[in-house]
Amino acid sequence: MAKLLTEAEIQEQASYLSDWTVEESKLQATRTFKDFIQAIEFVNKLVKPAESAGHHPDIEISYNKVKITLTTHDAGGLTQKDFDVARVISQIN
């Protein structure tokens, strides 16, 4: 099982991710697209990196908005895995 990060480690890691926020032991980002098709195309681009990392985000889709939430469920909070996957997702257009 992955090791939970301390609050100081979480804040340090979060400082490198300008498009993400920390909310109640979860890392979250919302992306807005032109329309539903572009939103779904973005979600489809998340599959390969999530599978490669063995770490899958929770995803909410509302027409042209995609909300991504990362947390390590089995550890009960944020771990390095969450921030590693967030960095990869941040680079996807």
Protein backbone atom coordinates (compact mmCIF):
# COMPACT_ATOMS: atom_id res chain seq x y z
CA MET A 1 0.00 0.00 0.00
CA ALA A 2 1.20 3.50 -0.82
CA LYS A 3 2.27 5.77 2.04
CA LEU A 4 0.05 8.72 2.88
CA LEU A 5 1.71 12.08 2.43
CA THR A 6 1.97 14.51 5.32
CA GLU A 7 0.20 17.85 5.10
CA ALA A 8 3.55 19.56 4.40
CA GLU A 9 4.33 17.08 1.60
CA ILE A 10 0.86 17.59 0.11
CA GLN A 11 1.26 21.38 0.12
CA GLU A 12 4.71 21.12 -1.45
CA GLN A 13 3.50 18.78 -4.21
CA ALA A 14 0.38 20.90 -4.81
CA SER A 15 2.52 24.01 -5.31
CA TYR A 16 3.81 22.48 -8.57
CA LEU A 17 0.31 21.91 -9.95
CA SER A 18 -1.32 25.24 -10.76
CA ASP A 19 -4.49 23.72 -12.23
CA TRP A 20 -5.24 21.42 -9.26
CA THR A 21 -6.65 22.03 -5.78
CA VAL A 22 -6.57 19.94 -2.63
CA GLU A 23 -10.02 19.35 -1.15
CA GLU A 24 -10.55 17.00 1.82
CA SER A 25 -7.71 14.55 1.05
CA LYS A 26 -8.46 14.68 -2.67
CA LEU A 27 -6.69 16.31 -5.56
CA GLN A 28 -9.12 17.91 -8.02
CA ALA A 29 -9.08 19.70 -11.34
CA THR A 30 -11.85 20.82 -13.68
CA ARG A 31 -11.34 21.29 -17.39
CA THR A 32 -13.78 23.12 -19.66
CA PHE A 33 -14.02 22.33 -23.37
CA LYS A 34 -15.85 23.72 -26.38
CA ASP A 35 -18.47 20.97 -26.32
CA PHE A 36 -19.34 17.45 -25.16
CA ILE A 37 -17.36 15.76 -27.93
CA GLN A 38 -14.13 17.51 -26.94
CA ALA A 39 -14.78 16.68 -23.28
CA ILE A 40 -15.16 12.98 -24.11
CA GLU A 41 -12.06 13.03 -26.32
CA PHE A 42 -10.12 14.38 -23.35
CA VAL A 43 -11.48 11.67 -21.04
CA ASN A 44 -10.47 9.01 -23.56
CA LYS A 45 -6.91 10.36 -23.44
CA LEU A 46 -6.82 9.63 -19.69
CA VAL A 47 -7.25 5.88 -20.14
CA LYS A 48 -3.74 4.91 -21.22
CA PRO A 49 -1.82 6.92 -18.60
CA ALA A 50 -4.17 5.77 -15.83
CA GLU A 51 -3.78 2.13 -16.86
CA SER A 52 0.00 2.49 -17.14
CA ALA A 53 0.19 3.96 -13.65
CA GLY A 54 -2.30 1.47 -12.22
CA HIS A 55 -4.01 4.47 -10.64
CA HIS A 56 -7.41 5.63 -11.89
CA PRO A 57 -9.06 9.00 -11.38
CA ASP A 58 -12.69 9.52 -10.50
CA ILE A 59 -14.22 11.41 -13.41
CA GLU A 60 -17.41 13.48 -13.60
CA ILE A 61 -18.62 14.74 -16.98
CA SER A 62 -21.20 17.49 -17.32
CA TYR A 63 -21.60 18.45 -20.98
CA ASN A 64 -18.37 20.38 -21.66
CA LYS A 65 -16.84 20.15 -18.17
CA VAL A 66 -14.71 17.30 -16.85
CA LYS A 67 -13.95 17.12 -13.14
CA ILE A 68 -11.04 14.84 -12.25
CA THR A 69 -10.52 13.67 -8.68
CA LEU A 70 -7.49 11.74 -7.47
CA THR A 71 -7.07 10.02 -4.13
CA THR A 72 -5.57 6.71 -3.10
CA HIS A 73 -8.66 4.93 -1.80
CA ASP A 74 -6.87 1.97 -0.22
CA ALA A 75 -4.51 4.31 1.68
CA GLY A 76 -7.32 6.64 2.74
CA GLY A 77 -5.94 9.87 1.29
CA LEU A 78 -3.28 11.45 -0.88
CA THR A 79 -0.11 9.61 -1.84
CA GLN A 80 2.68 10.24 -4.30
CA LYS A 81 0.71 8.24 -6.88
CA ASP A 82 -1.97 10.94 -6.96
CA PHE A 83 0.50 13.71 -7.69
CA ASP A 84 2.37 11.64 -10.28
CA VAL A 85 -0.85 10.96 -12.20
CA ALA A 86 -1.95 14.60 -11.83
CA ARG A 87 1.30 15.75 -13.47
CA VAL A 88 0.67 13.44 -16.42
CA ILE A 89 -2.97 14.57 -16.75
CA SER A 90 -1.88 18.24 -16.63
CA GLN A 91 0.11 17.69 -19.82
CA ILE A 92 -2.84 16.23 -21.77
CA ASN A 93 -4.68 18.64 -24.05
